[in-house]
PDB file of N, CA and C in Angstrom:
ATOM      1  N   MET A   1      -3.628 -48.645  -0.710  1.00  0.00           N
ATOM      2  CA  MET A   1      -2.874 -47.565  -1.288  1.00  0.00           C
ATOM      3  C   MET A   1      -1.391 -47.700  -0.970  1.00  0.00           C
ATOM      4  N   GLY A   2      -1.019 -47.900   0.282  1.00  0.00           N
ATOM      5  CA  GLY A   2       0.377 -48.109   0.631  1.00  0.00           C
ATOM      6  C   GLY A   2       1.186 -46.827   0.675  1.00  0.00           C
ATOM      7  N   ASN A   3       2.450 -47.026   0.830  1.00  0.00           N
ATOM      8  CA  ASN A   3       3.383 -45.897   0.906  1.00  0.00           C
ATOM      9  C   ASN A   3       4.125 -45.737  -0.407  1.00  0.00           C
ATOM     10  N   GLN A   4       3.436 -45.355  -1.429  1.00  0.00           N
ATOM     11  CA  GLN A   4       4.069 -45.136  -2.725  1.00  0.00           C
ATOM     12  C   GLN A   4       4.632 -43.726  -2.776  1.00  0.00           C
ATOM     13  N   PRO A   5       5.809 -43.575  -3.388  1.00  0.00           N
ATOM     14  CA  PRO A   5       6.367 -42.225  -3.503  1.00  0.00           C
ATOM     15  C   PRO A   5       5.470 -41.354  -4.373  1.00  0.00           C
ATOM     16  N   ARG A   6       5.421 -40.092  -4.034  1.00  0.00           N
ATOM     17  CA  ARG A   6       4.582 -39.182  -4.797  1.00  0.00           C
ATOM     18  C   ARG A   6       5.213 -38.919  -6.151  1.00  0.00           C
ATOM     19  N   THR A   7       4.379 -38.680  -7.129  1.00  0.00           N
ATOM     20  CA  THR A   7       4.842 -38.402  -8.477  1.00  0.00           C
ATOM     21  C   THR A   7       5.536 -37.042  -8.506  1.00  0.00           C
ATOM     22  N   ARG A   8       6.701 -37.010  -9.142  1.00  0.00           N
ATOM     23  CA  ARG A   8       7.464 -35.771  -9.247  1.00  0.00           C
ATOM     24  C   ARG A   8       7.384 -35.238 -10.670  1.00  0.00           C
ATOM     25  N   GLN A   9       7.465 -33.942 -10.801  1.00  0.00           N
ATOM     26  CA  GLN A   9       7.489 -33.326 -12.114  1.00  0.00           C
ATOM     27  C   GLN A   9       8.854 -33.597 -12.743  1.00  0.00           C
ATOM     28  N   GLN A  10       8.849 -34.229 -13.885  1.00  0.00           N
ATOM     29  CA  GLN A  10      10.087 -34.602 -14.560  1.00  0.00           C
ATOM     30  C   GLN A  10      10.788 -33.408 -15.213  1.00  0.00           C
ATOM     31  N   LEU A  11      10.019 -32.418 -15.644  1.00  0.00           N
ATOM     32  CA  LEU A  11      10.595 -31.285 -16.373  1.00  0.00           C
ATOM     33  C   LEU A  11      10.969 -30.110 -15.473  1.00  0.00           C
ATOM     34  N   LEU A  12      10.596 -30.166 -14.222  1.00  0.00           N
ATOM     35  CA  LEU A  12      10.839 -29.043 -13.316  1.00  0.00           C
ATOM     36  C   LEU A  12      12.311 -28.626 -13.263  1.00  0.00           C
ATOM     37  N   PRO A  13      13.255 -29.545 -13.100  1.00  0.00           N
ATOM     38  CA  PRO A  13      14.660 -29.113 -13.038  1.00  0.00           C
ATOM     39  C   PRO A  13      15.101 -28.357 -14.292  1.00  0.00           C
ATOM     40  N   LEU A  14      14.680 -28.818 -15.451  1.00  0.00           N
ATOM     41  CA  LEU A  14      15.057 -28.150 -16.701  1.00  0.00           C
ATOM     42  C   LEU A  14      14.411 -26.773 -16.816  1.00  0.00           C
ATOM     43  N   LYS A  15      13.201 -26.635 -16.318  1.00  0.00           N
ATOM     44  CA  LYS A  15      12.520 -25.344 -16.369  1.00  0.00           C
ATOM     45  C   LYS A  15      13.171 -24.349 -15.407  1.00  0.00           C
ATOM     46  N   LEU A  16      13.580 -24.823 -14.232  1.00  0.00           N
ATOM     47  CA  LEU A  16      14.254 -23.934 -13.282  1.00  0.00           C
ATOM     48  C   LEU A  16      15.596 -23.471 -13.841  1.00  0.00           C
ATOM     49  N   LEU A  17      16.304 -24.374 -14.486  1.00  0.00           N
ATOM     50  CA  LEU A  17      17.560 -24.004 -15.138  1.00  0.00           C
ATOM     51  C   LEU A  17      17.299 -23.005 -16.264  1.00  0.00           C
ATOM     52  N   ALA A  18      16.250 -23.222 -17.026  1.00  0.00           N
ATOM     53  CA  ALA A  18      15.901 -22.310 -18.124  1.00  0.00           C
ATOM     54  C   ALA A  18      15.609 -20.906 -17.593  1.00  0.00           C
ATOM     55  N   ILE A  19      14.942 -20.821 -16.461  1.00  0.00           N
ATOM     56  CA  ILE A  19      14.660 -19.510 -15.861  1.00  0.00           C
ATOM     57  C   ILE A  19      15.962 -18.821 -15.497  1.00  0.00           C
ATOM     58  N   ARG A  20      16.846 -19.552 -14.829  1.00  0.00           N
ATOM     59  CA  ARG A  20      18.113 -18.940 -14.406  1.00  0.00           C
ATOM     60  C   ARG A  20      18.942 -18.506 -15.610  1.00  0.00           C
ATOM     61  N   LYS A  21      18.998 -19.348 -16.631  1.00  0.00           N
ATOM     62  CA  LYS A  21      19.763 -19.008 -17.837  1.00  0.00           C
ATOM     63  C   LYS A  21      19.157 -17.800 -18.557  1.00  0.00           C
ATOM     64  N   CYS A  22      17.841 -17.745 -18.597  1.00  0.00           N
ATOM     65  CA  CYS A  22      17.169 -16.617 -19.244  1.00  0.00           C
ATOM     66  C   CYS A  22      17.449 -15.306 -18.501  1.00  0.00           C
ATOM     67  N   LEU A  23      17.534 -15.398 -17.191  1.00  0.00           N
ATOM     68  CA  LEU A  23      17.838 -14.214 -16.386  1.00  0.00           C
ATOM     69  C   LEU A  23      19.324 -13.868 -16.412  1.00  0.00           C
ATOM     70  N   LYS A  24      20.132 -14.796 -16.940  1.00  0.00           N
ATOM     71  CA  LYS A  24      21.581 -14.600 -17.070  1.00  0.00           C
ATOM     72  C   LYS A  24      22.245 -14.343 -15.728  1.00  0.00           C
ATOM     73  N   VAL A  25      21.931 -15.206 -14.765  1.00  0.00           N
ATOM     74  CA  VAL A  25      22.531 -15.096 -13.438  1.00  0.00           C
ATOM     75  C   VAL A  25      23.139 -16.441 -13.046  1.00  0.00           C
ATOM     76  N   GLY A  26      24.125 -16.394 -12.169  1.00  0.00           N
ATOM     77  CA  GLY A  26      24.720 -17.602 -11.626  1.00  0.00           C
ATOM     78  C   GLY A  26      23.881 -18.125 -10.464  1.00  0.00           C
ATOM     79  N   GLN A  27      24.313 -19.237  -9.919  1.00  0.00           N
ATOM     80  CA  GLN A  27      23.557 -19.848  -8.827  1.00  0.00           C
ATOM     81  C   GLN A  27      23.565 -18.996  -7.568  1.00  0.00           C
ATOM     82  N   THR A  28      24.673 -18.335  -7.289  1.00  0.00           N
ATOM     83  CA  THR A  28      24.750 -17.478  -6.094  1.00  0.00           C
ATOM     84  C   THR A  28      23.776 -16.317  -6.201  1.00  0.00           C
ATOM     85  N   GLU A  29      23.794 -15.641  -7.349  1.00  0.00           N
ATOM     86  CA  GLU A  29      22.879 -14.511  -7.538  1.00  0.00           C
ATOM     87  C   GLU A  29      21.425 -14.987  -7.554  1.00  0.00           C
ATOM     88  N   MET A  30      21.174 -16.147  -8.144  1.00  0.00           N
ATOM     89  CA  MET A  30      19.808 -16.676  -8.182  1.00  0.00           C
ATOM     90  C   MET A  30      19.299 -16.918  -6.767  1.00  0.00           C
ATOM     91  N   ALA A  31      20.130 -17.490  -5.922  1.00  0.00           N
ATOM     92  CA  ALA A  31      19.736 -17.730  -4.530  1.00  0.00           C
ATOM     93  C   ALA A  31      19.401 -16.410  -3.842  1.00  0.00           C
ATOM     94  N   ASN A  32      20.227 -15.389  -4.059  1.00  0.00           N
ATOM     95  CA  ASN A  32      19.993 -14.084  -3.440  1.00  0.00           C
ATOM     96  C   ASN A  32      18.711 -13.431  -3.953  1.00  0.00           C
ATOM     97  N   VAL A  33      18.496 -13.513  -5.241  1.00  0.00           N
ATOM     98  CA  VAL A  33      17.312 -12.903  -5.844  1.00  0.00           C
ATOM     99  C   VAL A  33      16.039 -13.614  -5.368  1.00  0.00           C
ATOM    100  N   LEU A  34      16.092 -14.937  -5.295  1.00  0.00           N
ATOM    101  CA  LEU A  34      14.932 -15.687  -4.801  1.00  0.00           C
ATOM    102  C   LEU A  34      14.631 -15.332  -3.347  1.00  0.00           C
ATOM    103  N   GLN A  35      15.671 -15.219  -2.533  1.00  0.00           N
ATOM    104  CA  GLN A  35      15.473 -14.832  -1.125  1.00  0.00           C
ATOM    105  C   GLN A  35      14.791 -13.466  -1.035  1.00  0.00           C
ATOM    106  N   SER A  36      15.268 -12.523  -1.839  1.00  0.00           N
ATOM    107  CA  SER A  36      14.675 -11.180  -1.838  1.00  0.00           C
ATOM    108  C   SER A  36      13.218 -11.210  -2.284  1.00  0.00           C
ATOM    109  N   LYS A  37      12.936 -12.009  -3.306  1.00  0.00           N
ATOM    110  CA  LYS A  37      11.570 -12.106  -3.825  1.00  0.00           C
ATOM    111  C   LYS A  37      10.642 -12.705  -2.768  1.00  0.00           C
ATOM    112  N   ILE A  38      11.111 -13.723  -2.063  1.00  0.00           N
ATOM    113  CA  ILE A  38      10.308 -14.343  -1.010  1.00  0.00           C
ATOM    114  C   ILE A  38      10.058 -13.353   0.112  1.00  0.00           C
ATOM    115  N   LEU A  39      11.084 -12.615   0.504  1.00  0.00           N
ATOM    116  CA  LEU A  39      10.931 -11.623   1.570  1.00  0.00           C
ATOM    117  C   LEU A  39       9.960 -10.521   1.156  1.00  0.00           C
ATOM    118  N   SER A  40      10.100 -10.019  -0.062  1.00  0.00           N
ATOM    119  CA  SER A  40       9.240  -8.912  -0.485  1.00  0.00           C
ATOM    120  C   SER A  40       7.794  -9.342  -0.716  1.00  0.00           C
ATOM    121  N   HIS A  41       7.591 -10.545  -1.220  1.00  0.00           N
ATOM    122  CA  HIS A  41       6.229 -10.959  -1.527  1.00  0.00           C
ATOM    123  C   HIS A  41       5.515 -11.606  -0.333  1.00  0.00           C
ATOM    124  N   PHE A  42       6.227 -12.443   0.400  1.00  0.00           N
ATOM    125  CA  PHE A  42       5.600 -13.180   1.493  1.00  0.00           C
ATOM    126  C   PHE A  42       5.911 -12.596   2.862  1.00  0.00           C
ATOM    127  N   ASP A  43       6.771 -11.549   2.885  1.00  0.00           N
ATOM    128  CA  ASP A  43       7.208 -10.939   4.144  1.00  0.00           C
ATOM    129  C   ASP A  43       7.760 -12.017   5.087  1.00  0.00           C
ATOM    130  N   ARG A  44       8.582 -12.869   4.498  1.00  0.00           N
ATOM    131  CA  ARG A  44       9.138 -13.995   5.240  1.00  0.00           C
ATOM    132  C   ARG A  44      10.597 -14.188   4.831  1.00  0.00           C
ATOM    133  N   ARG A  45      11.463 -14.292   5.813  1.00  0.00           N
ATOM    134  CA  ARG A  45      12.878 -14.579   5.534  1.00  0.00           C
ATOM    135  C   ARG A  45      13.022 -16.057   5.190  1.00  0.00           C
ATOM    136  N   TYR A  46      13.849 -16.324   4.188  1.00  0.00           N
ATOM    137  CA  TYR A  46      14.088 -17.698   3.790  1.00  0.00           C
ATOM    138  C   TYR A  46      15.550 -17.819   3.383  1.00  0.00           C
ATOM    139  N   ASP A  47      16.291 -18.632   4.112  1.00  0.00           N
ATOM    140  CA  ASP A  47      17.712 -18.815   3.842  1.00  0.00           C
ATOM    141  C   ASP A  47      17.873 -19.819   2.707  1.00  0.00           C
ATOM    142  N   LEU A  48      18.462 -19.375   1.627  1.00  0.00           N
ATOM    143  CA  LEU A  48      18.629 -20.219   0.449  1.00  0.00           C
ATOM    144  C   LEU A  48      20.078 -20.149  -0.007  1.00  0.00           C
ATOM    145  N   LYS A  49      20.769 -21.244   0.076  1.00  0.00           N
ATOM    146  CA  LYS A  49      22.182 -21.322  -0.313  1.00  0.00           C
ATOM    147  C   LYS A  49      22.303 -21.617  -1.809  1.00  0.00           C
ATOM    148  N   PRO A  50      23.374 -21.133  -2.433  1.00  0.00           N
ATOM    149  CA  PRO A  50      23.576 -21.395  -3.870  1.00  0.00           C
ATOM    150  C   PRO A  50      23.596 -22.881  -4.211  1.00  0.00           C
ATOM    151  N   GLY A  51      24.110 -23.707  -3.309  1.00  0.00           N
ATOM    152  CA  GLY A  51      24.139 -25.151  -3.557  1.00  0.00           C
ATOM    153  C   GLY A  51      22.754 -25.741  -3.722  1.00  0.00           C
ATOM    154  N   ARG A  52      21.776 -25.121  -3.092  1.00  0.00           N
ATOM    155  CA  ARG A  52      20.388 -25.598  -3.209  1.00  0.00           C
ATOM    156  C   ARG A  52      19.889 -25.398  -4.634  1.00  0.00           C
ATOM    157  N   ILE A  53      20.299 -24.298  -5.273  1.00  0.00           N
ATOM    158  CA  ILE A  53      19.898 -24.036  -6.659  1.00  0.00           C
ATOM    159  C   ILE A  53      20.400 -25.182  -7.545  1.00  0.00           C
ATOM    160  N   SER A  54      21.636 -25.576  -7.327  1.00  0.00           N
ATOM    161  CA  SER A  54      22.213 -26.697  -8.068  1.00  0.00           C
ATOM    162  C   SER A  54      21.418 -27.976  -7.831  1.00  0.00           C
ATOM    163  N   GLU A  55      21.028 -28.231  -6.600  1.00  0.00           N
ATOM    164  CA  GLU A  55      20.250 -29.431  -6.280  1.00  0.00           C
ATOM    165  C   GLU A  55      18.894 -29.418  -6.979  1.00  0.00           C
ATOM    166  N   TYR A  56      18.271 -28.246  -7.075  1.00  0.00           N
ATOM    167  CA  TYR A  56      16.992 -28.147  -7.798  1.00  0.00           C
ATOM    168  C   TYR A  56      17.192 -28.488  -9.272  1.00  0.00           C
ATOM    169  N   GLU A  57      18.258 -27.947  -9.857  1.00  0.00           N
ATOM    170  CA  GLU A  57      18.502 -28.113 -11.283  1.00  0.00           C
ATOM    171  C   GLU A  57      18.969 -29.522 -11.641  1.00  0.00           C
ATOM    172  N   LYS A  58      19.506 -30.248 -10.673  1.00  0.00           N
ATOM    173  CA  LYS A  58      19.983 -31.615 -10.912  1.00  0.00           C
ATOM    174  C   LYS A  58      18.993 -32.668 -10.425  1.00  0.00           C
ATOM    175  N   GLU A  59      17.780 -32.238 -10.064  1.00  0.00           N
ATOM    176  CA  GLU A  59      16.706 -33.128  -9.611  1.00  0.00           C
ATOM    177  C   GLU A  59      17.079 -33.901  -8.340  1.00  0.00           C
ATOM    178  N   GLN A  60      17.940 -33.305  -7.523  1.00  0.00           N
ATOM    179  CA  GLN A  60      18.297 -33.920  -6.253  1.00  0.00           C
ATOM    180  C   GLN A  60      17.342 -33.474  -5.154  1.00  0.00           C
ATOM    181  N   ARG A  61      16.689 -32.346  -5.371  1.00  0.00           N
ATOM    182  CA  ARG A  61      15.724 -31.781  -4.431  1.00  0.00           C
ATOM    183  C   ARG A  61      14.648 -31.043  -5.189  1.00  0.00           C
ATOM    184  N   GLU A  62      13.479 -30.916  -4.560  1.00  0.00           N
ATOM    185  CA  GLU A  62      12.407 -30.097  -5.132  1.00  0.00           C
ATOM    186  C   GLU A  62      12.263 -28.838  -4.292  1.00  0.00           C
ATOM    187  N   PRO A  63      12.065 -27.705  -4.935  1.00  0.00           N
ATOM    188  CA  PRO A  63      11.846 -26.475  -4.162  1.00  0.00           C
ATOM    189  C   PRO A  63      10.479 -26.498  -3.480  1.00  0.00           C
ATOM    190  N   ASN A  64      10.390 -25.830  -2.339  1.00  0.00           N
ATOM    191  CA  ASN A  64       9.086 -25.729  -1.679  1.00  0.00           C
ATOM    192  C   ASN A  64       8.239 -24.697  -2.422  1.00  0.00           C
ATOM    193  N   LEU A  65       7.032 -24.524  -1.984  1.00  0.00           N
ATOM    194  CA  LEU A  65       6.098 -23.648  -2.691  1.00  0.00           C
ATOM    195  C   LEU A  65       6.535 -22.184  -2.679  1.00  0.00           C
ATOM    196  N   PHE A  66       7.154 -21.728  -1.593  1.00  0.00           N
ATOM    197  CA  PHE A  66       7.649 -20.348  -1.554  1.00  0.00           C
ATOM    198  C   PHE A  66       8.702 -20.130  -2.637  1.00  0.00           C
ATOM    199  N   VAL A  67       9.627 -21.049  -2.742  1.00  0.00           N
ATOM    200  CA  VAL A  67      10.719 -20.924  -3.712  1.00  0.00           C
ATOM    201  C   VAL A  67      10.170 -21.058  -5.133  1.00  0.00           C
ATOM    202  N   LEU A  68       9.301 -22.010  -5.355  1.00  0.00           N
ATOM    203  CA  LEU A  68       8.732 -22.214  -6.685  1.00  0.00           C
ATOM    204  C   LEU A  68       7.934 -20.995  -7.142  1.00  0.00           C
ATOM    205  N   THR A  69       7.194 -20.415  -6.227  1.00  0.00           N
ATOM    206  CA  THR A  69       6.435 -19.199  -6.552  1.00  0.00           C
ATOM    207  C   THR A  69       7.382 -18.045  -6.880  1.00  0.00           C
ATOM    208  N   ALA A  70       8.471 -17.941  -6.134  1.00  0.00           N
ATOM    209  CA  ALA A  70       9.451 -16.888  -6.404  1.00  0.00           C
ATOM    210  C   ALA A  70      10.077 -17.066  -7.784  1.00  0.00           C
ATOM    211  N   TYR A  71      10.387 -18.302  -8.154  1.00  0.00           N
ATOM    212  CA  TYR A  71      10.905 -18.571  -9.506  1.00  0.00           C
ATOM    213  C   TYR A  71       9.910 -18.074 -10.556  1.00  0.00           C
ATOM    214  N   ALA A  72       8.648 -18.437 -10.406  1.00  0.00           N
ATOM    215  CA  ALA A  72       7.636 -18.046 -11.390  1.00  0.00           C
ATOM    216  C   ALA A  72       7.481 -16.529 -11.459  1.00  0.00           C
ATOM    217  N   ARG A  73       7.512 -15.876 -10.318  1.00  0.00           N
ATOM    218  CA  ARG A  73       7.386 -14.418 -10.303  1.00  0.00           C
ATOM    219  C   ARG A  73       8.583 -13.759 -10.981  1.00  0.00           C
ATOM    220  N   LEU A  74       9.777 -14.267 -10.717  1.00  0.00           N
ATOM    221  CA  LEU A  74      10.971 -13.730 -11.371  1.00  0.00           C
ATOM    222  C   LEU A  74      10.900 -13.908 -12.881  1.00  0.00           C
ATOM    223  N   ALA A  75      10.410 -15.052 -13.300  1.00  0.00           N
ATOM    224  CA  ALA A  75      10.312 -15.355 -14.731  1.00  0.00           C
ATOM    225  C   ALA A  75       9.115 -14.679 -15.388  1.00  0.00           C
ATOM    226  N   GLN A  76       8.222 -14.148 -14.581  1.00  0.00           N
ATOM    227  CA  GLN A  76       7.009 -13.503 -15.070  1.00  0.00           C
ATOM    228  C   GLN A  76       6.177 -14.469 -15.905  1.00  0.00           C
ATOM    229  N   VAL A  77       6.037 -15.694 -15.363  1.00  0.00           N
ATOM    230  CA  VAL A  77       5.203 -16.723 -15.990  1.00  0.00           C
ATOM    231  C   VAL A  77       4.271 -17.284 -14.928  1.00  0.00           C
ATOM    232  N   TYR A  78       3.241 -17.941 -15.376  1.00  0.00           N
ATOM    233  CA  TYR A  78       2.323 -18.582 -14.441  1.00  0.00           C
ATOM    234  C   TYR A  78       3.020 -19.750 -13.747  1.00  0.00           C
ATOM    235  N   LEU A  79       2.751 -19.912 -12.477  1.00  0.00           N
ATOM    236  CA  LEU A  79       3.305 -21.016 -11.706  1.00  0.00           C
ATOM    237  C   LEU A  79       2.942 -22.352 -12.352  1.00  0.00           C
ATOM    238  N   GLU A  80       1.757 -22.449 -12.872  1.00  0.00           N
ATOM    239  CA  GLU A  80       1.315 -23.687 -13.516  1.00  0.00           C
ATOM    240  C   GLU A  80       2.230 -24.071 -14.676  1.00  0.00           C
ATOM    241  N   SER A  81       2.705 -23.094 -15.434  1.00  0.00           N
ATOM    242  CA  SER A  81       3.582 -23.421 -16.566  1.00  0.00           C
ATOM    243  C   SER A  81       4.923 -23.974 -16.093  1.00  0.00           C
ATOM    244  N   VAL A  82       5.350 -23.594 -14.898  1.00  0.00           N
ATOM    245  CA  VAL A  82       6.587 -24.125 -14.332  1.00  0.00           C
ATOM    246  C   VAL A  82       6.363 -25.555 -13.847  1.00  0.00           C
ATOM    247  N   ALA A  83       5.272 -25.783 -13.167  1.00  0.00           N
ATOM    248  CA  ALA A  83       5.038 -27.058 -12.492  1.00  0.00           C
ATOM    249  C   ALA A  83       4.409 -28.139 -13.370  1.00  0.00           C
ATOM    250  N   ASP A  84       3.734 -27.773 -14.417  1.00  0.00           N
ATOM    251  CA  ASP A  84       2.974 -28.734 -15.223  1.00  0.00           C
ATOM    252  C   ASP A  84       3.850 -29.346 -16.314  1.00  0.00           C
ATOM    253  N   ASP A  85       4.056 -30.646 -16.261  1.00  0.00           N
ATOM    254  CA  ASP A  85       4.856 -31.339 -17.263  1.00  0.00           C
ATOM    255  C   ASP A  85       4.191 -31.378 -18.636  1.00  0.00           C
ATOM    256  N   ARG A  86       2.934 -31.013 -18.714  1.00  0.00           N
ATOM    257  CA  ARG A  86       2.288 -30.950 -20.030  1.00  0.00           C
ATOM    258  C   ARG A  86       2.813 -29.761 -20.831  1.00  0.00           C
ATOM    259  N   VAL A  87       3.406 -28.789 -20.137  1.00  0.00           N
ATOM    260  CA  VAL A  87       4.083 -27.677 -20.811  1.00  0.00           C
ATOM    261  C   VAL A  87       5.523 -28.141 -21.026  1.00  0.00           C
ATOM    262  N   THR A  88       5.879 -28.400 -22.274  1.00  0.00           N
ATOM    263  CA  THR A  88       7.214 -28.920 -22.567  1.00  0.00           C
ATOM    264  C   THR A  88       8.271 -27.846 -22.297  1.00  0.00           C
ATOM    265  N   VAL A  89       9.513 -28.277 -22.221  1.00  0.00           N
ATOM    266  CA  VAL A  89      10.614 -27.335 -21.998  1.00  0.00           C
ATOM    267  C   VAL A  89      10.707 -26.365 -23.181  1.00  0.00           C
ATOM    268  N   LYS A  90      10.494 -26.880 -24.381  1.00  0.00           N
ATOM    269  CA  LYS A  90      10.524 -26.019 -25.571  1.00  0.00           C
ATOM    270  C   LYS A  90       9.440 -24.946 -25.496  1.00  0.00           C
ATOM    271  N   GLU A  91       8.229 -25.342 -25.141  1.00  0.00           N
ATOM    272  CA  GLU A  91       7.132 -24.370 -24.995  1.00  0.00           C
ATOM    273  C   GLU A  91       7.449 -23.383 -23.871  1.00  0.00           C
ATOM    274  N   PHE A  92       8.019 -23.909 -22.788  1.00  0.00           N
ATOM    275  CA  PHE A  92       8.338 -23.061 -21.645  1.00  0.00           C
ATOM    276  C   PHE A  92       9.386 -22.012 -22.017  1.00  0.00           C
ATOM    277  N   ARG A  93      10.393 -22.416 -22.756  1.00  0.00           N
ATOM    278  CA  ARG A  93      11.418 -21.446 -23.195  1.00  0.00           C
ATOM    279  C   ARG A  93      10.796 -20.370 -24.075  1.00  0.00           C
ATOM    280  N   ARG A  94       9.824 -20.778 -24.872  1.00  0.00           N
ATOM    281  CA  ARG A  94       9.122 -19.795 -25.704  1.00  0.00           C
ATOM    282  C   ARG A  94       8.366 -18.806 -24.826  1.00  0.00           C
ATOM    283  N   LEU A  95       7.732 -19.309 -23.761  1.00  0.00           N
ATOM    284  CA  LEU A  95       7.044 -18.419 -22.819  1.00  0.00           C
ATOM    285  C   LEU A  95       8.024 -17.444 -22.174  1.00  0.00           C
ATOM    286  N   LEU A  96       9.185 -17.933 -21.816  1.00  0.00           N
ATOM    287  CA  LEU A  96      10.194 -17.067 -21.200  1.00  0.00           C
ATOM    288  C   LEU A  96      10.617 -15.963 -22.154  1.00  0.00           C
ATOM    289  N   GLY A  97      10.779 -16.305 -23.420  1.00  0.00           N
ATOM    290  CA  GLY A  97      11.193 -15.322 -24.412  1.00  0.00           C
ATOM    291  C   GLY A  97      10.138 -14.272 -24.687  1.00  0.00           C
ATOM    292  N   LYS A  98       8.864 -14.632 -24.560  1.00  0.00           N
ATOM    293  CA  LYS A  98       7.771 -13.697 -24.846  1.00  0.00           C
ATOM    294  C   LYS A  98       7.542 -12.705 -23.713  1.00  0.00           C
ATOM    295  N   GLU A  99       7.975 -13.050 -22.525  1.00  0.00           N
ATOM    296  CA  GLU A  99       7.622 -12.232 -21.382  1.00  0.00           C
ATOM    297  C   GLU A  99       8.433 -10.946 -21.271  1.00  0.00           C
ATOM    298  N   GLY A 100       9.617 -10.886 -21.883  1.00  0.00           N
ATOM    299  CA  GLY A 100      10.397  -9.660 -21.833  1.00  0.00           C
ATOM    300  C   GLY A 100      10.794  -9.274 -20.417  1.00  0.00           C
ATOM    301  N   TYR A 101      11.868  -9.831 -19.963  1.00  0.00           N
ATOM    302  CA  TYR A 101      12.288  -9.631 -18.577  1.00  0.00           C
ATOM    303  C   TYR A 101      12.701  -8.214 -18.269  1.00  0.00           C
ATOM    304  N   SER A 102      12.445  -7.857 -17.054  1.00  0.00           N
ATOM    305  CA  SER A 102      12.950  -6.605 -16.520  1.00  0.00           C
ATOM    306  C   SER A 102      14.402  -6.820 -16.161  1.00  0.00           C
ATOM    307  N   LYS A 103      15.250  -5.859 -16.427  1.00  0.00           N
ATOM    308  CA  LYS A 103      16.658  -5.976 -16.059  1.00  0.00           C
ATOM    309  C   LYS A 103      16.837  -5.889 -14.560  1.00  0.00           C
ATOM    310  N   ASP A 104      15.881  -5.281 -13.882  1.00  0.00           N
ATOM    311  CA  ASP A 104      15.924  -5.190 -12.417  1.00  0.00           C
ATOM    312  C   ASP A 104      15.315  -6.457 -11.854  1.00  0.00           C
ATOM    313  N   LEU A 105      16.142  -7.376 -11.372  1.00  0.00           N
ATOM    314  CA  LEU A 105      15.675  -8.686 -10.962  1.00  0.00           C
ATOM    315  C   LEU A 105      14.855  -8.684  -9.679  1.00  0.00           C
ATOM    316  N   VAL A 106      15.049  -7.721  -8.830  1.00  0.00           N
ATOM    317  CA  VAL A 106      14.396  -7.780  -7.518  1.00  0.00           C
ATOM    318  C   VAL A 106      13.137  -6.990  -7.471  1.00  0.00           C
TER     319      VAL A 106
END
């Protein structure tokens, strides 16, 4: 088997960007909202800097499961639709549009 790098989701960065754009927030606000969502749902503090949001969107880093779950909860979509590359970005944007976001992000 060896030490082969694990397969990464190719569409994840575009889907995370699509979520942020759909919510109409900047990277700083997105970091704050994700932190709040993690604290409220998992009862766990998680320090998330705005620069990390940029790294996720530019495929320089992958979010951990807490952050990824918070993204899905904010977007009101299934986590699987965020993580699964079989769901295209076009289909994902359609899912985002159908969900009807709450204006209250937290």
